[in-house]
């Protein structure tokens, strides 16, 4: 079954409170989506503002609008 993504590559996002169980120290950080993942556990690879590359589920991210 194919995955459908809400966010596009290049979108700016912020990590929300849903990720506090997986990686609590990244909550509230901003980043940019650099790729989509076709795995069951994660949806996106995000490059955070501090240079860290992390994987997140869609529910753990909020899109930043300009």
C-alpha atoms as a PDB file:
ATOM      1  CA  UNK A   1       0.000   0.000   0.000  1.00  0.00           C
ATOM      2  CA  UNK A   2       1.546   3.347  -1.004  1.00  0.00           C
ATOM      3  CA  UNK A   3       2.111   6.106   1.521  1.00  0.00           C
ATOM      4  CA  UNK A   4       0.614   9.548   1.034  1.00  0.00           C
ATOM      5  CA  UNK A   5       2.455  12.572   2.393  1.00  0.00           C
ATOM      6  CA  UNK A   6       0.990  15.882   3.572  1.00  0.00           C
ATOM      7  CA  UNK A   7       4.267  17.791   3.601  1.00  0.00           C
ATOM      8  CA  UNK A   8       6.565  18.299   0.626  1.00  0.00           C
ATOM      9  CA  UNK A   9      10.343  18.153   0.459  1.00  0.00           C
ATOM     10  CA  UNK A  10      11.668  21.598   1.349  1.00  0.00           C
ATOM     11  CA  UNK A  11       8.816  22.522   3.717  1.00  0.00           C
ATOM     12  CA  UNK A  12       9.829  24.209   6.957  1.00  0.00           C
ATOM     13  CA  UNK A  13       8.446  22.431  10.035  1.00  0.00           C
ATOM     14  CA  UNK A  14       8.575  22.576  13.813  1.00  0.00           C
ATOM     15  CA  UNK A  15       8.710  19.497  16.056  1.00  0.00           C
ATOM     16  CA  UNK A  16       5.613  19.311  18.279  1.00  0.00           C
ATOM     17  CA  UNK A  17       4.843  17.618  21.617  1.00  0.00           C
ATOM     18  CA  UNK A  18       3.904  14.287  20.023  1.00  0.00           C
ATOM     19  CA  UNK A  19       7.611  13.462  19.715  1.00  0.00           C
ATOM     20  CA  UNK A  20       8.318  13.840  23.444  1.00  0.00           C
ATOM     21  CA  UNK A  21       8.319  10.059  23.958  1.00  0.00           C
ATOM     22  CA  UNK A  22      10.802   9.353  21.139  1.00  0.00           C
ATOM     23  CA  UNK A  23      13.204  12.320  21.220  1.00  0.00           C
ATOM     24  CA  UNK A  24      12.090  14.856  23.853  1.00  0.00           C
ATOM     25  CA  UNK A  25      15.126  17.126  23.435  1.00  0.00           C
ATOM     26  CA  UNK A  26      14.046  18.002  19.861  1.00  0.00           C
ATOM     27  CA  UNK A  27      10.568  19.353  20.798  1.00  0.00           C
ATOM     28  CA  UNK A  28      10.141  22.952  19.652  1.00  0.00           C
ATOM     29  CA  UNK A  29      13.037  22.918  17.180  1.00  0.00           C
ATOM     30  CA  UNK A  30      12.609  24.067  13.597  1.00  0.00           C
ATOM     31  CA  UNK A  31      13.851  22.233  10.553  1.00  0.00           C
ATOM     32  CA  UNK A  32      13.437  21.480   6.872  1.00  0.00           C
ATOM     33  CA  UNK A  33      12.143  18.264   5.327  1.00  0.00           C
ATOM     34  CA  UNK A  34      14.859  16.790   3.129  1.00  0.00           C
ATOM     35  CA  UNK A  35      13.269  13.464   2.154  1.00  0.00           C
ATOM     36  CA  UNK A  36      10.268  11.184   2.541  1.00  0.00           C
ATOM     37  CA  UNK A  37      10.674   7.647   3.860  1.00  0.00           C
ATOM     38  CA  UNK A  38       8.881   4.510   2.683  1.00  0.00           C
ATOM     39  CA  UNK A  39       9.151   2.718   6.039  1.00  0.00           C
ATOM     40  CA  UNK A  40       6.387   1.922   8.509  1.00  0.00           C
ATOM     41  CA  UNK A  41       7.823   3.702  11.554  1.00  0.00           C
ATOM     42  CA  UNK A  42       8.829   7.092  10.091  1.00  0.00           C
ATOM     43  CA  UNK A  43       7.555   9.408   7.351  1.00  0.00           C
ATOM     44  CA  UNK A  44      10.157  12.172   6.964  1.00  0.00           C
ATOM     45  CA  UNK A  45      13.845  12.941   7.364  1.00  0.00           C
ATOM     46  CA  UNK A  46      14.269  16.439   8.754  1.00  0.00           C
ATOM     47  CA  UNK A  47      17.411  18.554   8.963  1.00  0.00           C
ATOM     48  CA  UNK A  48      17.019  20.542  12.181  1.00  0.00           C
ATOM     49  CA  UNK A  49      18.327  24.064  12.793  1.00  0.00           C
ATOM     50  CA  UNK A  50      21.193  22.712  14.909  1.00  0.00           C
ATOM     51  CA  UNK A  51      22.437  20.506  12.039  1.00  0.00           C
ATOM     52  CA  UNK A  52      20.980  17.245  13.371  1.00  0.00           C
ATOM     53  CA  UNK A  53      19.359  14.840  10.912  1.00  0.00           C
ATOM     54  CA  UNK A  54      16.318  13.146  12.495  1.00  0.00           C
ATOM     55  CA  UNK A  55      13.431  10.958  11.383  1.00  0.00           C
ATOM     56  CA  UNK A  56       9.858  11.797  12.364  1.00  0.00           C
ATOM     57  CA  UNK A  57       6.308  10.586  11.894  1.00  0.00           C
ATOM     58  CA  UNK A  58       3.918  13.060  10.283  1.00  0.00           C
ATOM     59  CA  UNK A  59       1.982  13.534  13.533  1.00  0.00           C
ATOM     60  CA  UNK A  60       5.161  14.824  15.225  1.00  0.00           C
ATOM     61  CA  UNK A  61       5.561  17.791  12.841  1.00  0.00           C
ATOM     62  CA  UNK A  62       3.718  21.068  12.255  1.00  0.00           C
ATOM     63  CA  UNK A  63       4.232  23.079   9.077  1.00  0.00           C
ATOM     64  CA  UNK A  64       5.599  26.604   9.429  1.00  0.00           C
ATOM     65  CA  UNK A  65       3.870  29.139   7.212  1.00  0.00           C
ATOM     66  CA  UNK A  66       5.571  32.308   6.031  1.00  0.00           C
END
